[in-house]
Amino acid sequence: MPKFKKEIKKKSESKRVPDEKLILKSAKISAILAGVFLVLSLFFNGTELFFEGIIIKYVKKEAHWEILDNVIKVGVIVLEFFFMMISFGNYKELTGKPVKLKEILFLFGLSLVQTIRSLIVFIFTLIALIIVIFYLYLIQES
């Protein structure tokens, strides 16, 4: 007999959060980020009614400032679309249904409607959104 008694080890309970809670949390965070970028996008792209652009209003009208202004506009729209797709995809995964093409086209159209005021922003946003959709198609689980 050994001199030392073995202590009975308690079963360690896993502190893992269920997948559904993680998916719901991810969907909420993505929806909040998408909302923030939607408001920013409407602010940046909708303000051309009053003046030419956010940056160009405060600095001289030069080419590099116009490029920066357009990059900010396109970037905000693309980030809004990306986070909206992630949030919507997580919600659909939680309910067990696939995202339909009609829903993707609705979000695609919503993002493109924001660019109506500028042809340059529209073209670059269209290219970037197609790249994002292709990227999301490649990383999806089969």
N, C-alpha and C. Protein backbone atom coordinates (compact mmCIF):
# COMPACT_ATOMS: atom_id res chain seq x y z
N MET A 1 0.83 -1.17 0.00
CA MET A 1 0.00 0.00 0.00
C MET A 1 0.88 1.25 0.00
N PRO A 2 0.49 2.20 -0.81
CA PRO A 2 1.28 3.41 -0.85
C PRO A 2 1.07 4.26 0.41
N LYS A 3 2.08 5.05 0.74
CA LYS A 3 1.99 5.89 1.92
C LYS A 3 1.04 7.07 1.72
N PHE A 4 0.95 7.54 0.49
CA PHE A 4 0.11 8.71 0.21
C PHE A 4 -1.18 8.25 -0.44
N LYS A 5 -2.26 8.79 0.04
CA LYS A 5 -3.55 8.46 -0.57
C LYS A 5 -3.76 9.34 -1.80
N LYS A 6 -4.29 8.74 -2.80
CA LYS A 6 -4.60 9.48 -4.00
C LYS A 6 -5.87 10.29 -3.77
N GLU A 7 -5.80 11.53 -4.19
CA GLU A 7 -6.99 12.36 -4.09
C GLU A 7 -7.84 12.13 -5.33
N ILE A 8 -9.10 12.06 -5.10
CA ILE A 8 -10.01 11.88 -6.22
C ILE A 8 -10.16 13.22 -6.94
N LYS A 9 -9.86 13.19 -8.19
CA LYS A 9 -9.96 14.41 -8.98
C LYS A 9 -11.40 14.61 -9.41
N LYS A 10 -11.85 15.84 -9.27
CA LYS A 10 -13.20 16.17 -9.71
C LYS A 10 -13.20 16.27 -11.23
N LYS A 11 -14.32 15.92 -11.77
CA LYS A 11 -14.44 16.06 -13.21
C LYS A 11 -14.44 17.53 -13.57
N SER A 12 -13.58 17.87 -14.44
CA SER A 12 -13.54 19.28 -14.84
C SER A 12 -14.65 19.54 -15.85
N GLU A 13 -15.48 20.46 -15.48
CA GLU A 13 -16.57 20.82 -16.37
C GLU A 13 -16.07 21.84 -17.37
N SER A 14 -16.42 21.63 -18.56
CA SER A 14 -16.00 22.54 -19.62
C SER A 14 -16.74 23.86 -19.48
N LYS A 15 -16.00 24.92 -19.60
CA LYS A 15 -16.61 26.25 -19.52
C LYS A 15 -16.86 26.80 -20.92
N ARG A 16 -16.95 25.93 -21.89
CA ARG A 16 -17.20 26.37 -23.25
C ARG A 16 -18.62 26.88 -23.40
N VAL A 17 -18.75 27.97 -24.06
CA VAL A 17 -20.06 28.52 -24.34
C VAL A 17 -20.61 27.77 -25.55
N PRO A 18 -21.89 27.44 -25.52
CA PRO A 18 -22.46 26.74 -26.68
C PRO A 18 -22.29 27.54 -27.96
N ASP A 19 -22.20 26.81 -29.06
CA ASP A 19 -21.99 27.45 -30.35
C ASP A 19 -23.08 28.46 -30.69
N GLU A 20 -24.31 28.17 -30.29
CA GLU A 20 -25.41 29.06 -30.62
C GLU A 20 -25.23 30.43 -29.98
N LYS A 21 -24.72 30.46 -28.76
CA LYS A 21 -24.50 31.74 -28.10
C LYS A 21 -23.39 32.52 -28.79
N LEU A 22 -22.35 31.82 -29.23
CA LEU A 22 -21.26 32.49 -29.94
C LEU A 22 -21.72 33.04 -31.29
N ILE A 23 -22.55 32.26 -31.97
CA ILE A 23 -23.06 32.71 -33.26
C ILE A 23 -23.95 33.92 -33.08
N LEU A 24 -24.81 33.90 -32.06
CA LEU A 24 -25.69 35.03 -31.80
C LEU A 24 -24.89 36.27 -31.41
N LYS A 25 -23.86 36.08 -30.60
CA LYS A 25 -23.00 37.21 -30.20
C LYS A 25 -22.29 37.78 -31.41
N SER A 26 -21.78 36.92 -32.29
CA SER A 26 -21.11 37.38 -33.50
C SER A 26 -22.08 38.11 -34.42
N ALA A 27 -23.31 37.61 -34.51
CA ALA A 27 -24.31 38.27 -35.35
C ALA A 27 -24.64 39.65 -34.82
N LYS A 28 -24.75 39.78 -33.50
CA LYS A 28 -25.07 41.08 -32.90
C LYS A 28 -23.93 42.07 -33.11
N ILE A 29 -22.69 41.63 -32.87
CA ILE A 29 -21.54 42.53 -33.04
C ILE A 29 -21.42 42.96 -34.50
N SER A 30 -21.60 42.03 -35.42
CA SER A 30 -21.51 42.35 -36.84
C SER A 30 -22.63 43.30 -37.26
N ALA A 31 -23.83 43.11 -36.71
CA ALA A 31 -24.95 44.00 -37.03
C ALA A 31 -24.69 45.41 -36.51
N ILE A 32 -24.12 45.52 -35.32
CA ILE A 32 -23.80 46.84 -34.77
C ILE A 32 -22.75 47.53 -35.65
N LEU A 33 -21.71 46.80 -36.03
CA LEU A 33 -20.68 47.37 -36.90
C LEU A 33 -21.26 47.76 -38.26
N ALA A 34 -22.14 46.92 -38.80
CA ALA A 34 -22.78 47.24 -40.08
C ALA A 34 -23.63 48.50 -39.95
N GLY A 35 -24.32 48.66 -38.84
CA GLY A 35 -25.12 49.86 -38.62
C GLY A 35 -24.26 51.11 -38.52
N VAL A 36 -23.14 51.00 -37.83
CA VAL A 36 -22.22 52.14 -37.71
C VAL A 36 -21.69 52.52 -39.09
N PHE A 37 -21.26 51.52 -39.86
CA PHE A 37 -20.74 51.83 -41.19
C PHE A 37 -21.83 52.32 -42.14
N LEU A 38 -23.08 51.88 -41.94
CA LEU A 38 -24.18 52.38 -42.76
C LEU A 38 -24.42 53.87 -42.49
N VAL A 39 -24.41 54.24 -41.22
CA VAL A 39 -24.59 55.65 -40.87
C VAL A 39 -23.43 56.49 -41.43
N LEU A 40 -22.21 55.99 -41.27
CA LEU A 40 -21.05 56.70 -41.83
C LEU A 40 -21.14 56.81 -43.35
N SER A 41 -21.59 55.75 -43.99
CA SER A 41 -21.71 55.76 -45.44
C SER A 41 -22.76 56.76 -45.89
N LEU A 42 -23.89 56.78 -45.21
CA LEU A 42 -24.91 57.76 -45.57
C LEU A 42 -24.42 59.19 -45.32
N PHE A 43 -23.63 59.37 -44.29
CA PHE A 43 -23.07 60.69 -44.01
C PHE A 43 -22.06 61.09 -45.08
N PHE A 44 -21.14 60.19 -45.42
CA PHE A 44 -20.11 60.52 -46.40
C PHE A 44 -20.68 60.66 -47.81
N ASN A 45 -21.58 59.76 -48.19
CA ASN A 45 -22.08 59.76 -49.56
C ASN A 45 -23.31 60.63 -49.76
N GLY A 46 -24.04 60.92 -48.69
CA GLY A 46 -25.24 61.73 -48.82
C GLY A 46 -24.99 63.20 -48.64
N THR A 47 -23.81 63.59 -48.23
CA THR A 47 -23.53 64.99 -47.98
C THR A 47 -23.16 65.76 -49.24
N GLU A 48 -23.13 65.11 -50.35
CA GLU A 48 -22.78 65.81 -51.59
C GLU A 48 -23.90 66.75 -52.02
N LEU A 49 -25.05 66.66 -51.37
CA LEU A 49 -26.10 67.63 -51.65
C LEU A 49 -25.67 69.03 -51.21
N PHE A 50 -24.91 69.10 -50.15
CA PHE A 50 -24.54 70.37 -49.57
C PHE A 50 -23.15 70.85 -50.01
N PHE A 51 -22.23 69.94 -50.18
CA PHE A 51 -20.89 70.28 -50.64
C PHE A 51 -20.30 69.07 -51.32
N GLU A 52 -19.16 69.26 -51.97
CA GLU A 52 -18.60 68.23 -52.83
C GLU A 52 -18.19 66.96 -52.11
N GLY A 53 -17.54 67.08 -51.00
CA GLY A 53 -17.09 65.90 -50.27
C GLY A 53 -16.62 66.29 -48.89
N ILE A 54 -16.48 65.31 -48.06
CA ILE A 54 -16.09 65.56 -46.68
C ILE A 54 -14.71 66.20 -46.61
N ILE A 55 -13.74 65.60 -47.26
CA ILE A 55 -12.37 66.08 -47.16
C ILE A 55 -12.17 67.32 -48.02
N ILE A 56 -12.75 67.34 -49.19
CA ILE A 56 -12.53 68.43 -50.13
C ILE A 56 -13.10 69.75 -49.60
N LYS A 57 -14.06 69.69 -48.72
CA LYS A 57 -14.61 70.90 -48.14
C LYS A 57 -13.56 71.66 -47.32
N TYR A 58 -12.69 70.93 -46.66
CA TYR A 58 -11.75 71.54 -45.74
C TYR A 58 -10.35 71.78 -46.31
N VAL A 59 -10.04 71.20 -47.45
CA VAL A 59 -8.71 71.38 -48.04
C VAL A 59 -8.87 71.86 -49.48
N LYS A 60 -7.74 72.18 -50.09
CA LYS A 60 -7.77 72.62 -51.48
C LYS A 60 -8.22 71.46 -52.37
N LYS A 61 -8.87 71.81 -53.45
CA LYS A 61 -9.37 70.79 -54.37
C LYS A 61 -8.22 70.32 -55.25
N GLU A 62 -7.55 69.25 -54.79
CA GLU A 62 -6.45 68.66 -55.53
C GLU A 62 -6.76 67.19 -55.74
N ALA A 63 -6.03 66.59 -56.67
CA ALA A 63 -6.32 65.22 -57.08
C ALA A 63 -6.16 64.22 -55.93
N HIS A 64 -5.09 64.34 -55.15
CA HIS A 64 -4.86 63.33 -54.11
C HIS A 64 -5.91 63.43 -53.00
N TRP A 65 -6.47 64.62 -52.76
CA TRP A 65 -7.54 64.73 -51.76
C TRP A 65 -8.84 64.13 -52.28
N GLU A 66 -9.09 64.30 -53.57
CA GLU A 66 -10.28 63.68 -54.17
C GLU A 66 -10.17 62.16 -54.14
N ILE A 67 -8.97 61.65 -54.41
CA ILE A 67 -8.76 60.20 -54.36
C ILE A 67 -9.00 59.68 -52.95
N LEU A 68 -8.46 60.37 -51.95
CA LEU A 68 -8.66 59.97 -50.55
C LEU A 68 -10.14 60.02 -50.18
N ASP A 69 -10.84 61.05 -50.62
CA ASP A 69 -12.27 61.16 -50.35
C ASP A 69 -13.04 59.99 -50.95
N ASN A 70 -12.72 59.63 -52.18
CA ASN A 70 -13.40 58.51 -52.84
C ASN A 70 -13.04 57.17 -52.21
N VAL A 71 -11.78 57.01 -51.79
CA VAL A 71 -11.37 55.77 -51.12
C VAL A 71 -12.11 55.59 -49.81
N ILE A 72 -12.28 56.67 -49.06
CA ILE A 72 -13.04 56.60 -47.80
C ILE A 72 -14.49 56.22 -48.08
N LYS A 73 -15.09 56.82 -49.09
CA LYS A 73 -16.49 56.51 -49.42
C LYS A 73 -16.65 55.05 -49.82
N VAL A 74 -15.78 54.57 -50.69
CA VAL A 74 -15.86 53.17 -51.14
C VAL A 74 -15.58 52.22 -49.97
N GLY A 75 -14.57 52.53 -49.18
CA GLY A 75 -14.21 51.66 -48.06
C GLY A 75 -15.33 51.52 -47.04
N VAL A 76 -15.99 52.61 -46.74
CA VAL A 76 -17.08 52.56 -45.77
C VAL A 76 -18.25 51.73 -46.31
N ILE A 77 -18.56 51.88 -47.57
CA ILE A 77 -19.66 51.10 -48.17
C ILE A 77 -19.31 49.62 -48.18
N VAL A 78 -18.10 49.29 -48.55
CA VAL A 78 -17.69 47.88 -48.62
C VAL A 78 -17.67 47.26 -47.23
N LEU A 79 -17.19 47.98 -46.23
CA LEU A 79 -17.19 47.45 -44.86
C LEU A 79 -18.62 47.27 -44.34
N GLU A 80 -19.50 48.19 -44.69
CA GLU A 80 -20.91 48.05 -44.30
C GLU A 80 -21.51 46.80 -44.92
N PHE A 81 -21.25 46.57 -46.19
CA PHE A 81 -21.77 45.37 -46.86
C PHE A 81 -21.18 44.10 -46.26
N PHE A 82 -19.88 44.12 -46.01
CA PHE A 82 -19.19 42.95 -45.46
C PHE A 82 -19.77 42.55 -44.09
N PHE A 83 -19.89 43.52 -43.19
CA PHE A 83 -20.42 43.21 -41.87
C PHE A 83 -21.90 42.86 -41.91
N MET A 84 -22.65 43.46 -42.82
CA MET A 84 -24.06 43.11 -42.95
C MET A 84 -24.20 41.67 -43.45
N MET A 85 -23.36 41.27 -44.39
CA MET A 85 -23.40 39.89 -44.89
C MET A 85 -23.01 38.90 -43.79
N ILE A 86 -22.00 39.22 -43.01
CA ILE A 86 -21.59 38.34 -41.92
C ILE A 86 -22.70 38.20 -40.90
N SER A 87 -23.29 39.32 -40.52
CA SER A 87 -24.37 39.29 -39.54
C SER A 87 -25.56 38.49 -40.05
N PHE A 88 -25.93 38.75 -41.29
CA PHE A 88 -27.07 38.05 -41.87
C PHE A 88 -26.78 36.56 -42.04
N GLY A 89 -25.56 36.23 -42.46
CA GLY A 89 -25.17 34.82 -42.60
C GLY A 89 -25.16 34.09 -41.27
N ASN A 90 -24.68 34.75 -40.22
CA ASN A 90 -24.69 34.13 -38.89
C ASN A 90 -26.11 33.90 -38.39
N TYR A 91 -26.98 34.86 -38.64
CA TYR A 91 -28.38 34.69 -38.24
C TYR A 91 -29.02 33.53 -38.99
N LYS A 92 -28.77 33.47 -40.29
CA LYS A 92 -29.34 32.37 -41.08
C LYS A 92 -28.78 31.02 -40.65
N GLU A 93 -27.49 30.99 -40.28
CA GLU A 93 -26.90 29.75 -39.80
C GLU A 93 -27.54 29.32 -38.47
N LEU A 94 -27.86 30.29 -37.65
CA LEU A 94 -28.49 30.01 -36.37
C LEU A 94 -29.88 29.43 -36.56
N THR A 95 -30.60 29.92 -37.54
CA THR A 95 -31.94 29.39 -37.81
C THR A 95 -31.91 28.13 -38.67
N GLY A 96 -30.76 27.81 -39.22
CA GLY A 96 -30.62 26.58 -40.00
C GLY A 96 -31.02 26.71 -41.45
N LYS A 97 -31.13 27.91 -41.93
CA LYS A 97 -31.53 28.13 -43.32
C LYS A 97 -30.37 28.75 -44.08
N PRO A 98 -30.24 28.45 -45.36
CA PRO A 98 -29.16 29.08 -46.14
C PRO A 98 -29.55 30.49 -46.57
N VAL A 99 -28.55 31.30 -46.83
CA VAL A 99 -28.79 32.64 -47.35
C VAL A 99 -29.17 32.50 -48.82
N LYS A 100 -30.28 33.11 -49.20
CA LYS A 100 -30.76 33.00 -50.57
C LYS A 100 -30.14 34.09 -51.44
N LEU A 101 -30.11 33.82 -52.72
CA LEU A 101 -29.54 34.76 -53.68
C LEU A 101 -30.31 36.09 -53.66
N LYS A 102 -31.62 36.01 -53.48
CA LYS A 102 -32.46 37.21 -53.43
C LYS A 102 -32.03 38.13 -52.28
N GLU A 103 -31.70 37.54 -51.15
CA GLU A 103 -31.28 38.33 -49.98
C GLU A 103 -29.91 38.96 -50.21
N ILE A 104 -29.01 38.22 -50.84
CA ILE A 104 -27.68 38.75 -51.16
C ILE A 104 -27.82 39.90 -52.16
N LEU A 105 -28.67 39.74 -53.16
CA LEU A 105 -28.86 40.80 -54.14
C LEU A 105 -29.50 42.04 -53.52
N PHE A 106 -30.37 41.85 -52.52
CA PHE A 106 -30.96 42.99 -51.83
C PHE A 106 -29.89 43.80 -51.11
N LEU A 107 -29.00 43.12 -50.38
CA LEU A 107 -27.92 43.82 -49.69
C LEU A 107 -26.95 44.46 -50.69
N PHE A 108 -26.71 43.77 -51.79
CA PHE A 108 -25.85 44.29 -52.86
C PHE A 108 -26.46 45.58 -53.43
N GLY A 109 -27.75 45.54 -53.70
CA GLY A 109 -28.44 46.72 -54.23
C GLY A 109 -28.47 47.86 -53.23
N LEU A 110 -28.69 47.54 -51.96
CA LEU A 110 -28.70 48.56 -50.91
C LEU A 110 -27.35 49.26 -50.84
N SER A 111 -26.28 48.52 -51.01
CA SER A 111 -24.95 49.12 -50.98
C SER A 111 -24.69 49.97 -52.22
N LEU A 112 -25.18 49.52 -53.37
CA LEU A 112 -24.95 50.29 -54.60
C LEU A 112 -25.81 51.54 -54.67
N VAL A 113 -26.97 51.54 -54.04
CA VAL A 113 -27.83 52.72 -54.05
C VAL A 113 -27.13 53.90 -53.37
N GLN A 114 -26.28 53.61 -52.42
CA GLN A 114 -25.58 54.68 -51.70
C GLN A 114 -24.56 55.41 -52.57
N THR A 115 -24.23 54.83 -53.72
CA THR A 115 -23.17 55.41 -54.56
C THR A 115 -23.72 56.16 -55.77
N ILE A 116 -24.99 56.39 -55.83
CA ILE A 116 -25.60 56.98 -57.02
C ILE A 116 -25.03 58.35 -57.36
N ARG A 117 -24.59 59.11 -56.40
CA ARG A 117 -24.15 60.48 -56.61
C ARG A 117 -22.80 60.59 -57.32
N SER A 118 -21.99 59.55 -57.31
CA SER A 118 -20.66 59.64 -57.91
C SER A 118 -20.38 58.39 -58.74
N LEU A 119 -20.06 58.61 -60.00
CA LEU A 119 -19.78 57.50 -60.91
C LEU A 119 -18.51 56.75 -60.51
N ILE A 120 -17.49 57.48 -60.09
CA ILE A 120 -16.22 56.85 -59.69
C ILE A 120 -16.44 55.95 -58.48
N VAL A 121 -17.16 56.44 -57.49
CA VAL A 121 -17.45 55.65 -56.30
C VAL A 121 -18.29 54.44 -56.67
N PHE A 122 -19.24 54.61 -57.59
CA PHE A 122 -20.09 53.50 -58.03
C PHE A 122 -19.26 52.40 -58.67
N ILE A 123 -18.36 52.76 -59.57
CA ILE A 123 -17.56 51.75 -60.29
C ILE A 123 -16.66 50.98 -59.32
N PHE A 124 -15.95 51.71 -58.46
CA PHE A 124 -15.04 51.03 -57.54
C PHE A 124 -15.79 50.22 -56.48
N THR A 125 -16.96 50.71 -56.07
CA THR A 125 -17.77 49.95 -55.12
C THR A 125 -18.30 48.68 -55.76
N LEU A 126 -18.72 48.77 -57.00
CA LEU A 126 -19.21 47.59 -57.71
C LEU A 126 -18.12 46.52 -57.81
N ILE A 127 -16.92 46.93 -58.17
CA ILE A 127 -15.81 45.98 -58.28
C ILE A 127 -15.49 45.38 -56.90
N ALA A 128 -15.43 46.22 -55.88
CA ALA A 128 -15.10 45.74 -54.54
C ALA A 128 -16.18 44.80 -53.99
N LEU A 129 -17.45 45.10 -54.25
CA LEU A 129 -18.53 44.23 -53.76
C LEU A 129 -18.51 42.87 -54.46
N ILE A 130 -18.19 42.87 -55.72
CA ILE A 130 -18.07 41.59 -56.44
C ILE A 130 -16.92 40.77 -55.85
N ILE A 131 -15.82 41.42 -55.53
CA ILE A 131 -14.69 40.73 -54.90
C ILE A 131 -15.09 40.18 -53.52
N VAL A 132 -15.82 40.97 -52.74
CA VAL A 132 -16.26 40.52 -51.41
C VAL A 132 -17.20 39.33 -51.52
N ILE A 133 -18.14 39.37 -52.45
CA ILE A 133 -19.05 38.24 -52.63
C ILE A 133 -18.29 37.00 -53.07
N PHE A 134 -17.33 37.16 -53.95
CA PHE A 134 -16.52 36.03 -54.38
C PHE A 134 -15.72 35.47 -53.21
N TYR A 135 -15.16 36.35 -52.37
CA TYR A 135 -14.41 35.93 -51.19
C TYR A 135 -15.31 35.16 -50.21
N LEU A 136 -16.50 35.68 -49.97
CA LEU A 136 -17.42 35.00 -49.05
C LEU A 136 -17.88 33.66 -49.63
N TYR A 137 -18.00 33.57 -50.96
CA TYR A 137 -18.35 32.31 -51.59
C TYR A 137 -17.24 31.29 -51.42
N LEU A 138 -15.99 31.74 -51.51
CA LEU A 138 -14.86 30.81 -51.39
C LEU A 138 -14.67 30.28 -49.96
N ILE A 139 -14.96 31.10 -48.95
CA ILE A 139 -14.70 30.67 -47.58
C ILE A 139 -15.88 29.96 -46.93
N GLN A 140 -17.01 29.89 -47.61
CA GLN A 140 -18.14 29.22 -46.99
C GLN A 140 -17.91 27.72 -46.89
N GLU A 141 -18.53 27.14 -45.88
CA GLU A 141 -18.41 25.69 -45.69
C GLU A 141 -19.38 24.99 -46.62
N SER A 142 -18.95 23.89 -47.16
CA SER A 142 -19.82 23.14 -48.08
C SER A 142 -20.69 22.19 -47.33
